[in-house]
Amino acid sequence: MIRIYNKELLTVILSGRFVCALAASLLLFSLGSWFFVADFAAAPQPPPHRSTVRTQIYKPADPLGFCLHDVEAKAWITPGSQGQVSAATQERNHLLPPYEYLDWAFLVSVAIGVVTIVLTFSAISGEKEDGTLRQILSNGVPRTTVYLGKYLAYFAVSMLALLAGALASLTIVSVFGPAG
C-alpha cells in the first residue's frame, strides 16, 4: 500500500491539476479573508452615548468571522421589534442560500469538495485506460489495498491544498485584520 500511496502522491503533486487546485484554494481563501477584513473595518461602531428615547443593543463584529460568518455582527437590534433585525442583515446570496459569505464554512464544504473531485476524477479510470490497473491487480495486490492507497494519497493532497489556503487566510487576517 505504501508503494501505491507514494506513486499516487507523486503523480498528483507533479500534475497540473494539483497546481490548479492549490491556486484555487489559495485564491478563494485569500479572497474570503480580504472580504472579511473589509467587512470588519466597515462594521458599525458603538454609539458615543446612551439614548434614553430609543435603545439599541450593539453587538460588536466577531474577529473570528472569517471562519464562520456571523450575520448579526453587522446589525443593530432594537428591543421591542419582535425579533426583527435591521436591513443590514437581509443581504442574501439567492443562488446559494446557506452560503452567504466566502467564509471557511463555505470553502471547506463546497470549494474543497470541488477541488477534491477535480483531483480524483481519473484516479481509477485513468489507471484502467492506461492499462496499469490490470497489471497492478494481476500481481496479487488486493483491490482494497489499491483503493486505500489511492484514497490516502488524494486525501493528503486535498488536505495540503486546504492547509495552504487556511495558512494564507490566517496570514492575511493576522496582518491586516482586527488585531493587526
N, C-alpha and C. Protein backbone atom coordinates (compact mmCIF):
# COMPACT_ATOMS: atom_id res chain seq x y z
N MET A 1 0.82 -1.19 0.00
CA MET A 1 0.00 0.00 0.00
C MET A 1 0.87 1.26 0.00
N ILE A 2 2.01 1.21 0.64
CA ILE A 2 2.90 2.36 0.70
C ILE A 2 3.41 2.72 -0.70
N ARG A 3 3.70 1.71 -1.52
CA ARG A 3 4.16 1.98 -2.88
C ARG A 3 3.07 2.67 -3.69
N ILE A 4 1.85 2.19 -3.57
CA ILE A 4 0.74 2.80 -4.31
C ILE A 4 0.51 4.22 -3.82
N TYR A 5 0.57 4.41 -2.50
CA TYR A 5 0.40 5.73 -1.91
C TYR A 5 1.47 6.69 -2.45
N ASN A 6 2.72 6.26 -2.41
CA ASN A 6 3.82 7.12 -2.88
C ASN A 6 3.71 7.43 -4.37
N LYS A 7 3.35 6.41 -5.16
CA LYS A 7 3.19 6.62 -6.60
C LYS A 7 2.08 7.62 -6.90
N GLU A 8 0.93 7.44 -6.25
CA GLU A 8 -0.20 8.35 -6.47
C GLU A 8 0.12 9.76 -5.98
N LEU A 9 0.75 9.85 -4.83
CA LEU A 9 1.11 11.16 -4.28
C LEU A 9 2.04 11.90 -5.23
N LEU A 10 3.05 11.24 -5.73
CA LEU A 10 3.99 11.85 -6.66
C LEU A 10 3.30 12.22 -7.97
N THR A 11 2.45 11.35 -8.47
CA THR A 11 1.74 11.62 -9.73
C THR A 11 0.84 12.84 -9.60
N VAL A 12 0.11 12.92 -8.50
CA VAL A 12 -0.83 14.03 -8.32
C VAL A 12 -0.08 15.34 -8.10
N ILE A 13 0.95 15.33 -7.28
CA ILE A 13 1.67 16.57 -6.99
C ILE A 13 2.36 17.11 -8.24
N LEU A 14 2.83 16.24 -9.11
CA LEU A 14 3.50 16.69 -10.32
C LEU A 14 2.53 17.04 -11.45
N SER A 15 1.24 16.80 -11.25
CA SER A 15 0.28 17.08 -12.31
C SER A 15 -0.16 18.54 -12.28
N GLY A 16 -0.67 18.99 -13.40
CA GLY A 16 -1.18 20.35 -13.49
C GLY A 16 -2.45 20.55 -12.69
N ARG A 17 -3.18 19.47 -12.46
CA ARG A 17 -4.41 19.57 -11.67
C ARG A 17 -4.13 20.00 -10.25
N PHE A 18 -3.04 19.52 -9.67
CA PHE A 18 -2.69 19.91 -8.31
C PHE A 18 -2.34 21.40 -8.25
N VAL A 19 -1.60 21.86 -9.24
CA VAL A 19 -1.24 23.28 -9.27
C VAL A 19 -2.50 24.14 -9.37
N CYS A 20 -3.45 23.73 -10.21
CA CYS A 20 -4.72 24.46 -10.33
C CYS A 20 -5.52 24.40 -9.03
N ALA A 21 -5.57 23.24 -8.40
CA ALA A 21 -6.31 23.10 -7.15
C ALA A 21 -5.67 23.93 -6.04
N LEU A 22 -4.37 23.94 -5.98
CA LEU A 22 -3.67 24.74 -4.98
C LEU A 22 -3.90 26.22 -5.23
N ALA A 23 -3.82 26.64 -6.48
CA ALA A 23 -4.07 28.05 -6.82
C ALA A 23 -5.51 28.45 -6.49
N ALA A 24 -6.47 27.58 -6.79
CA ALA A 24 -7.87 27.88 -6.48
C ALA A 24 -8.08 27.98 -4.98
N SER A 25 -7.49 27.08 -4.23
CA SER A 25 -7.62 27.12 -2.77
C SER A 25 -7.01 28.39 -2.21
N LEU A 26 -5.81 28.73 -2.64
CA LEU A 26 -5.16 29.95 -2.16
C LEU A 26 -5.96 31.19 -2.55
N LEU A 27 -6.47 31.22 -3.77
CA LEU A 27 -7.25 32.37 -4.23
C LEU A 27 -8.55 32.52 -3.43
N LEU A 28 -9.29 31.44 -3.27
CA LEU A 28 -10.57 31.53 -2.56
C LEU A 28 -10.40 31.88 -1.09
N PHE A 29 -9.45 31.24 -0.43
CA PHE A 29 -9.22 31.57 0.98
C PHE A 29 -8.72 33.01 1.13
N SER A 30 -7.86 33.46 0.23
CA SER A 30 -7.36 34.83 0.31
C SER A 30 -8.47 35.84 0.06
N LEU A 31 -9.30 35.58 -0.94
CA LEU A 31 -10.43 36.48 -1.20
C LEU A 31 -11.38 36.54 -0.01
N GLY A 32 -11.67 35.38 0.58
CA GLY A 32 -12.54 35.37 1.75
C GLY A 32 -11.96 36.18 2.89
N SER A 33 -10.65 36.11 3.07
CA SER A 33 -10.01 36.88 4.13
C SER A 33 -10.03 38.37 3.84
N TRP A 34 -9.78 38.74 2.58
CA TRP A 34 -9.84 40.17 2.24
C TRP A 34 -11.25 40.72 2.41
N PHE A 35 -12.26 39.95 2.02
CA PHE A 35 -13.64 40.40 2.22
C PHE A 35 -13.95 40.55 3.70
N PHE A 36 -13.45 39.62 4.51
CA PHE A 36 -13.67 39.71 5.95
C PHE A 36 -13.01 40.95 6.54
N VAL A 37 -11.77 41.21 6.14
CA VAL A 37 -11.06 42.38 6.66
C VAL A 37 -11.81 43.66 6.30
N ALA A 38 -12.30 43.74 5.06
CA ALA A 38 -13.07 44.92 4.63
C ALA A 38 -14.38 45.03 5.39
N ASP A 39 -15.09 43.91 5.57
CA ASP A 39 -16.35 43.94 6.32
C ASP A 39 -16.13 44.28 7.78
N PHE A 40 -15.05 43.78 8.36
CA PHE A 40 -14.78 44.05 9.76
C PHE A 40 -14.49 45.53 9.98
N ALA A 41 -13.76 46.13 9.04
CA ALA A 41 -13.44 47.55 9.16
C ALA A 41 -14.70 48.40 8.98
N ALA A 42 -15.67 47.93 8.20
CA ALA A 42 -16.90 48.69 7.95
C ALA A 42 -18.01 48.34 8.93
N ALA A 43 -17.74 47.50 9.92
CA ALA A 43 -18.77 47.12 10.90
C ALA A 43 -19.20 48.34 11.70
N PRO A 44 -20.48 48.38 12.14
CA PRO A 44 -20.95 49.54 12.90
C PRO A 44 -20.20 49.70 14.21
N GLN A 45 -19.99 50.93 14.58
CA GLN A 45 -19.28 51.24 15.81
C GLN A 45 -20.29 51.48 16.93
N PRO A 46 -19.88 51.29 18.18
CA PRO A 46 -20.80 51.53 19.28
C PRO A 46 -21.17 53.01 19.38
N PRO A 47 -22.35 53.31 19.88
CA PRO A 47 -22.76 54.72 19.97
C PRO A 47 -21.89 55.47 20.99
N PRO A 48 -21.68 56.78 20.75
CA PRO A 48 -20.86 57.55 21.69
C PRO A 48 -21.53 57.79 23.04
N HIS A 49 -22.86 57.75 23.08
CA HIS A 49 -23.58 57.97 24.33
C HIS A 49 -24.85 57.13 24.35
N ARG A 50 -25.42 56.98 25.52
CA ARG A 50 -26.67 56.21 25.63
C ARG A 50 -27.87 57.07 25.27
N SER A 51 -28.77 56.47 24.56
CA SER A 51 -30.01 57.16 24.21
C SER A 51 -31.12 56.64 25.11
N THR A 52 -31.89 57.55 25.66
CA THR A 52 -33.00 57.13 26.51
C THR A 52 -34.29 57.02 25.71
N VAL A 53 -34.31 57.59 24.52
CA VAL A 53 -35.52 57.55 23.71
C VAL A 53 -35.63 56.23 22.96
N ARG A 54 -34.60 55.84 22.30
CA ARG A 54 -34.60 54.60 21.52
C ARG A 54 -33.36 53.81 21.89
N THR A 55 -33.54 52.71 22.55
CA THR A 55 -32.41 51.91 22.99
C THR A 55 -32.09 50.87 21.93
N GLN A 56 -30.82 50.73 21.63
CA GLN A 56 -30.37 49.73 20.68
C GLN A 56 -29.30 48.88 21.33
N ILE A 57 -29.29 47.62 20.99
CA ILE A 57 -28.28 46.72 21.51
C ILE A 57 -27.19 46.61 20.45
N TYR A 58 -25.98 46.91 20.86
CA TYR A 58 -24.86 46.85 19.93
C TYR A 58 -24.15 45.52 20.11
N LYS A 59 -23.96 44.80 19.01
CA LYS A 59 -23.20 43.56 19.02
C LYS A 59 -21.96 43.78 18.17
N PRO A 60 -20.77 43.75 18.80
CA PRO A 60 -19.56 44.02 18.01
C PRO A 60 -19.29 42.91 17.00
N ALA A 61 -18.54 43.27 15.98
CA ALA A 61 -18.18 42.29 14.94
C ALA A 61 -17.26 41.23 15.54
N ASP A 62 -17.43 40.02 15.08
CA ASP A 62 -16.66 38.89 15.59
C ASP A 62 -15.30 38.82 14.88
N PRO A 63 -14.19 38.88 15.66
CA PRO A 63 -12.89 38.81 14.99
C PRO A 63 -12.58 37.46 14.34
N LEU A 64 -13.34 36.42 14.66
CA LEU A 64 -13.17 35.12 14.01
C LEU A 64 -14.23 34.87 12.95
N GLY A 65 -14.81 35.93 12.43
CA GLY A 65 -15.88 35.81 11.44
C GLY A 65 -15.44 35.23 10.13
N PHE A 66 -14.14 35.20 9.86
CA PHE A 66 -13.68 34.62 8.59
C PHE A 66 -13.83 33.10 8.59
N CYS A 67 -13.95 32.50 9.78
CA CYS A 67 -14.17 31.05 9.85
C CYS A 67 -15.63 30.71 9.64
N LEU A 68 -16.50 31.37 10.36
CA LEU A 68 -17.94 31.18 10.22
C LEU A 68 -18.59 32.54 10.41
N HIS A 69 -19.07 33.12 9.33
CA HIS A 69 -19.55 34.49 9.35
C HIS A 69 -20.81 34.61 10.19
N ASP A 70 -20.81 35.60 11.06
CA ASP A 70 -21.96 35.88 11.92
C ASP A 70 -22.78 36.98 11.27
N VAL A 71 -23.98 36.66 10.85
CA VAL A 71 -24.83 37.61 10.13
C VAL A 71 -25.19 38.79 11.02
N GLU A 72 -25.40 38.55 12.28
CA GLU A 72 -25.84 39.62 13.16
C GLU A 72 -24.72 40.56 13.55
N ALA A 73 -23.50 40.30 13.15
CA ALA A 73 -22.38 41.16 13.52
C ALA A 73 -22.52 42.55 12.92
N LYS A 74 -23.27 42.68 11.81
CA LYS A 74 -23.43 43.98 11.18
C LYS A 74 -24.76 44.63 11.55
N ALA A 75 -25.44 44.11 12.55
CA ALA A 75 -26.80 44.56 12.81
C ALA A 75 -26.92 45.33 14.11
N TRP A 76 -27.84 46.25 14.09
CA TRP A 76 -28.31 46.90 15.31
C TRP A 76 -29.64 46.25 15.62
N ILE A 77 -29.78 45.68 16.79
CA ILE A 77 -31.01 45.02 17.17
C ILE A 77 -31.76 45.93 18.13
N THR A 78 -32.96 46.28 17.78
CA THR A 78 -33.75 47.17 18.61
C THR A 78 -34.73 46.35 19.42
N PRO A 79 -34.68 46.43 20.77
CA PRO A 79 -35.64 45.69 21.58
C PRO A 79 -37.06 46.17 21.30
N GLY A 80 -37.98 45.26 21.38
CA GLY A 80 -39.38 45.60 21.14
C GLY A 80 -39.76 45.51 19.68
N SER A 81 -38.84 45.09 18.83
CA SER A 81 -39.16 44.99 17.40
C SER A 81 -39.56 43.57 17.03
N GLN A 82 -40.00 42.77 18.00
CA GLN A 82 -40.45 41.40 17.81
C GLN A 82 -39.39 40.56 17.10
N GLY A 83 -38.14 40.75 17.50
CA GLY A 83 -37.07 39.92 16.97
C GLY A 83 -36.63 40.26 15.56
N GLN A 84 -37.14 41.35 15.00
CA GLN A 84 -36.73 41.72 13.65
C GLN A 84 -35.35 42.36 13.71
N VAL A 85 -34.59 42.09 12.70
CA VAL A 85 -33.23 42.61 12.62
C VAL A 85 -33.18 43.64 11.51
N SER A 86 -32.28 44.60 11.63
CA SER A 86 -32.22 45.69 10.67
C SER A 86 -31.95 45.19 9.26
N ALA A 87 -32.10 46.08 8.30
CA ALA A 87 -31.96 45.71 6.88
C ALA A 87 -30.54 45.29 6.53
N ALA A 88 -29.56 45.62 7.36
CA ALA A 88 -28.18 45.25 7.05
C ALA A 88 -27.98 43.75 7.04
N THR A 89 -28.83 43.01 7.76
CA THR A 89 -28.65 41.57 7.81
C THR A 89 -29.46 40.85 6.74
N GLN A 90 -30.23 41.57 5.96
CA GLN A 90 -31.08 40.91 4.98
C GLN A 90 -30.41 40.76 3.63
N GLU A 91 -29.11 41.01 3.55
CA GLU A 91 -28.35 40.73 2.33
C GLU A 91 -28.24 39.23 2.19
N ARG A 92 -28.68 38.68 1.07
CA ARG A 92 -28.65 37.23 0.92
C ARG A 92 -28.11 36.87 -0.45
N ASN A 93 -27.43 35.77 -0.49
CA ASN A 93 -26.99 35.19 -1.74
C ASN A 93 -28.11 34.24 -2.16
N HIS A 94 -28.89 34.63 -3.13
CA HIS A 94 -30.06 33.84 -3.51
C HIS A 94 -29.69 32.60 -4.33
N LEU A 95 -28.47 32.54 -4.85
CA LEU A 95 -28.06 31.37 -5.60
C LEU A 95 -27.62 30.24 -4.68
N LEU A 96 -26.97 30.57 -3.58
CA LEU A 96 -26.52 29.60 -2.59
C LEU A 96 -27.03 30.04 -1.22
N PRO A 97 -28.31 29.83 -0.91
CA PRO A 97 -28.87 30.36 0.33
C PRO A 97 -28.12 29.99 1.60
N PRO A 98 -27.64 28.77 1.79
CA PRO A 98 -26.94 28.52 3.06
C PRO A 98 -25.58 29.19 3.14
N TYR A 99 -25.03 29.59 1.99
CA TYR A 99 -23.69 30.16 1.97
C TYR A 99 -23.76 31.60 1.49
N GLU A 100 -23.87 32.53 2.42
CA GLU A 100 -23.96 33.93 2.03
C GLU A 100 -22.59 34.55 1.87
N TYR A 101 -21.62 34.03 2.56
CA TYR A 101 -20.31 34.65 2.61
C TYR A 101 -19.23 33.66 2.21
N LEU A 102 -18.08 34.18 1.84
CA LEU A 102 -16.95 33.36 1.44
C LEU A 102 -16.11 33.05 2.68
N ASP A 103 -16.72 32.37 3.64
CA ASP A 103 -16.03 32.04 4.89
C ASP A 103 -15.54 30.60 4.83
N TRP A 104 -14.89 30.18 5.89
CA TRP A 104 -14.31 28.83 5.90
C TRP A 104 -15.38 27.75 5.81
N ALA A 105 -16.56 28.00 6.35
CA ALA A 105 -17.63 27.00 6.28
C ALA A 105 -17.97 26.70 4.82
N PHE A 106 -18.06 27.74 4.00
CA PHE A 106 -18.33 27.54 2.58
C PHE A 106 -17.14 26.89 1.88
N LEU A 107 -15.95 27.41 2.16
CA LEU A 107 -14.77 26.93 1.45
C LEU A 107 -14.48 25.46 1.72
N VAL A 108 -14.63 25.04 2.97
CA VAL A 108 -14.34 23.65 3.29
C VAL A 108 -15.43 22.72 2.76
N SER A 109 -16.69 23.13 2.89
CA SER A 109 -17.77 22.23 2.49
C SER A 109 -18.00 22.19 0.98
N VAL A 110 -17.79 23.28 0.29
CA VAL A 110 -18.08 23.30 -1.14
C VAL A 110 -16.80 23.36 -1.98
N ALA A 111 -15.97 24.34 -1.74
CA ALA A 111 -14.81 24.55 -2.61
C ALA A 111 -13.80 23.41 -2.51
N ILE A 112 -13.49 22.97 -1.31
CA ILE A 112 -12.53 21.87 -1.19
C ILE A 112 -13.14 20.57 -1.72
N GLY A 113 -14.45 20.42 -1.61
CA GLY A 113 -15.11 19.27 -2.23
C GLY A 113 -14.94 19.26 -3.74
N VAL A 114 -15.10 20.42 -4.36
CA VAL A 114 -14.92 20.52 -5.81
C VAL A 114 -13.45 20.28 -6.17
N VAL A 115 -12.54 20.84 -5.38
CA VAL A 115 -11.11 20.62 -5.62
C VAL A 115 -10.78 19.13 -5.55
N THR A 116 -11.34 18.44 -4.58
CA THR A 116 -11.09 17.00 -4.44
C THR A 116 -11.64 16.23 -5.63
N ILE A 117 -12.80 16.61 -6.11
CA ILE A 117 -13.36 15.95 -7.29
C ILE A 117 -12.47 16.18 -8.51
N VAL A 118 -11.98 17.40 -8.66
CA VAL A 118 -11.10 17.70 -9.79
C VAL A 118 -9.82 16.89 -9.71
N LEU A 119 -9.30 16.71 -8.51
CA LEU A 119 -8.07 15.94 -8.36
C LEU A 119 -8.27 14.45 -8.60
N THR A 120 -9.41 13.92 -8.17
CA THR A 120 -9.59 12.46 -8.16
C THR A 120 -10.42 11.89 -9.29
N PHE A 121 -10.86 12.71 -10.22
CA PHE A 121 -11.79 12.19 -11.22
C PHE A 121 -11.21 11.07 -12.07
N SER A 122 -9.91 11.01 -12.21
CA SER A 122 -9.34 9.96 -13.04
C SER A 122 -8.46 9.00 -12.25
N ALA A 123 -8.71 8.89 -10.96
CA ALA A 123 -7.85 8.02 -10.14
C ALA A 123 -7.92 6.57 -10.59
N ILE A 124 -9.12 6.04 -10.75
CA ILE A 124 -9.27 4.65 -11.15
C ILE A 124 -9.43 4.53 -12.66
N SER A 125 -10.24 5.41 -13.24
CA SER A 125 -10.48 5.30 -14.68
C SER A 125 -9.21 5.58 -15.49
N GLY A 126 -8.36 6.47 -15.00
CA GLY A 126 -7.09 6.74 -15.69
C GLY A 126 -6.18 5.53 -15.67
N GLU A 127 -6.17 4.83 -14.53
CA GLU A 127 -5.37 3.60 -14.44
C GLU A 127 -5.93 2.53 -15.39
N LYS A 128 -7.26 2.46 -15.48
CA LYS A 128 -7.87 1.46 -16.35
C LYS A 128 -7.58 1.77 -17.82
N GLU A 129 -7.66 3.05 -18.20
CA GLU A 129 -7.39 3.43 -19.58
C GLU A 129 -5.94 3.18 -19.96
N ASP A 130 -5.03 3.44 -19.03
CA ASP A 130 -3.60 3.23 -19.31
C ASP A 130 -3.22 1.76 -19.27
N GLY A 131 -4.05 0.93 -18.69
CA GLY A 131 -3.75 -0.49 -18.59
C GLY A 131 -2.94 -0.86 -17.37
N THR A 132 -2.64 0.11 -16.52
CA THR A 132 -1.82 -0.18 -15.34
C THR A 132 -2.65 -0.81 -14.21
N LEU A 133 -3.94 -0.58 -14.20
CA LEU A 133 -4.77 -1.19 -13.15
C LEU A 133 -4.78 -2.71 -13.29
N ARG A 134 -4.87 -3.18 -14.51
CA ARG A 134 -4.85 -4.63 -14.75
C ARG A 134 -3.50 -5.23 -14.32
N GLN A 135 -2.42 -4.54 -14.59
CA GLN A 135 -1.10 -5.02 -14.19
C GLN A 135 -0.95 -5.06 -12.67
N ILE A 136 -1.45 -4.03 -12.01
CA ILE A 136 -1.36 -4.00 -10.54
C ILE A 136 -2.15 -5.14 -9.93
N LEU A 137 -3.37 -5.32 -10.40
CA LEU A 137 -4.24 -6.35 -9.83
C LEU A 137 -3.77 -7.76 -10.20
N SER A 138 -3.09 -7.92 -11.33
CA SER A 138 -2.61 -9.24 -11.72
C SER A 138 -1.40 -9.68 -10.89
N ASN A 139 -0.76 -8.76 -10.22
CA ASN A 139 0.39 -9.09 -9.37
C ASN A 139 -0.05 -9.53 -7.98
N GLY A 140 -1.32 -9.69 -7.75
CA GLY A 140 -1.81 -10.18 -6.46
C GLY A 140 -2.03 -9.09 -5.42
N VAL A 141 -2.06 -7.87 -5.85
CA VAL A 141 -2.35 -6.78 -4.91
C VAL A 141 -3.86 -6.72 -4.72
N PRO A 142 -4.34 -6.79 -3.48
CA PRO A 142 -5.79 -6.74 -3.26
C PRO A 142 -6.37 -5.39 -3.67
N ARG A 143 -7.62 -5.42 -4.10
CA ARG A 143 -8.28 -4.19 -4.53
C ARG A 143 -8.36 -3.18 -3.40
N THR A 144 -8.62 -3.66 -2.18
CA THR A 144 -8.73 -2.73 -1.05
C THR A 144 -7.42 -2.00 -0.81
N THR A 145 -6.30 -2.66 -1.05
CA THR A 145 -5.00 -2.01 -0.90
C THR A 145 -4.83 -0.92 -1.95
N VAL A 146 -5.23 -1.21 -3.18
CA VAL A 146 -5.13 -0.22 -4.25
C VAL A 146 -6.02 0.98 -3.94
N TYR A 147 -7.27 0.72 -3.57
CA TYR A 147 -8.21 1.80 -3.29
C TYR A 147 -7.78 2.61 -2.07
N LEU A 148 -7.32 1.93 -1.03
CA LEU A 148 -6.91 2.63 0.18
C LEU A 148 -5.66 3.48 -0.08
N GLY A 149 -4.71 2.97 -0.84
CA GLY A 149 -3.52 3.75 -1.18
C GLY A 149 -3.86 4.99 -1.97
N LYS A 150 -4.76 4.84 -2.95
CA LYS A 150 -5.19 5.98 -3.75
C LYS A 150 -5.96 6.97 -2.90
N TYR A 151 -6.86 6.47 -2.07
CA TYR A 151 -7.67 7.34 -1.21
C TYR A 151 -6.78 8.17 -0.29
N LEU A 152 -5.83 7.52 0.37
CA LEU A 152 -4.95 8.24 1.30
C LEU A 152 -4.09 9.28 0.59
N ALA A 153 -3.62 8.97 -0.61
CA ALA A 153 -2.81 9.92 -1.36
C ALA A 153 -3.64 11.15 -1.75
N TYR A 154 -4.85 10.92 -2.26
CA TYR A 154 -5.68 12.04 -2.66
C TYR A 154 -6.19 12.83 -1.45
N PHE A 155 -6.42 12.14 -0.35
CA PHE A 155 -6.80 12.83 0.89
C PHE A 155 -5.66 13.74 1.36
N ALA A 156 -4.43 13.24 1.31
CA ALA A 156 -3.28 14.04 1.74
C ALA A 156 -3.10 15.27 0.84
N VAL A 157 -3.28 15.10 -0.45
CA VAL A 157 -3.13 16.22 -1.37
C VAL A 157 -4.25 17.24 -1.16
N SER A 158 -5.48 16.78 -0.94
CA SER A 158 -6.58 17.70 -0.67
C SER A 158 -6.34 18.47 0.62
N MET A 159 -5.85 17.78 1.64
CA MET A 159 -5.56 18.46 2.91
C MET A 159 -4.40 19.45 2.76
N LEU A 160 -3.46 19.14 1.88
CA LEU A 160 -2.37 20.06 1.61
C LEU A 160 -2.90 21.35 0.99
N ALA A 161 -3.81 21.22 0.03
CA ALA A 161 -4.43 22.41 -0.57
C ALA A 161 -5.24 23.18 0.47
N LEU A 162 -5.97 22.46 1.31
CA LEU A 162 -6.78 23.10 2.35
C LEU A 162 -5.89 23.84 3.36
N LEU A 163 -4.83 23.20 3.80
CA LEU A 163 -3.94 23.83 4.78
C LEU A 163 -3.19 25.02 4.19
N ALA A 164 -2.82 24.95 2.93
CA ALA A 164 -2.16 26.09 2.29
C ALA A 164 -3.10 27.28 2.22
N GLY A 165 -4.36 27.03 1.85
CA GLY A 165 -5.34 28.11 1.81
C GLY A 165 -5.64 28.67 3.19
N ALA A 166 -5.76 27.78 4.18
CA ALA A 166 -6.03 28.24 5.55
C ALA A 166 -4.86 29.06 6.09
N LEU A 167 -3.65 28.66 5.79
CA LEU A 167 -2.48 29.42 6.22
C LEU A 167 -2.44 30.79 5.56
N ALA A 168 -2.78 30.86 4.28
CA ALA A 168 -2.84 32.16 3.60
C ALA A 168 -3.92 33.04 4.23
N SER A 169 -5.06 32.44 4.54
CA SER A 169 -6.15 33.19 5.16
C SER A 169 -5.76 33.72 6.54
N LEU A 170 -5.16 32.87 7.35
CA LEU A 170 -4.73 33.30 8.68
C LEU A 170 -3.66 34.39 8.60
N THR A 171 -2.79 34.29 7.62
CA THR A 171 -1.75 35.31 7.46
C THR A 171 -2.37 36.66 7.11
N ILE A 172 -3.31 36.68 6.17
CA ILE A 172 -3.95 37.92 5.78
C ILE A 172 -4.72 38.53 6.93
N VAL A 173 -5.47 37.70 7.65
CA VAL A 173 -6.27 38.22 8.76
C VAL A 173 -5.37 38.70 9.90
N SER A 174 -4.28 37.99 10.18
CA SER A 174 -3.41 38.41 11.28
C SER A 174 -2.64 39.68 10.95
N VAL A 175 -2.31 39.88 9.68
CA VAL A 175 -1.56 41.09 9.30
C VAL A 175 -2.47 42.29 9.11
N PHE A 176 -3.60 42.11 8.41
CA PHE A 176 -4.45 43.23 8.05
C PHE A 176 -5.76 43.28 8.84
N GLY A 177 -6.05 42.26 9.61
CA GLY A 177 -7.34 42.15 10.27
C GLY A 177 -7.46 42.93 11.56
N PRO A 178 -8.41 42.49 12.39
CA PRO A 178 -8.77 43.22 13.60
C PRO A 178 -7.62 43.42 14.59
N ALA A 179 -6.76 42.43 14.72
CA ALA A 179 -5.67 42.55 15.70
C ALA A 179 -4.45 43.22 15.10
N GLY A 180 -4.40 43.36 13.75
CA GLY A 180 -3.21 43.85 13.07
C GLY A 180 -3.08 45.33 12.98
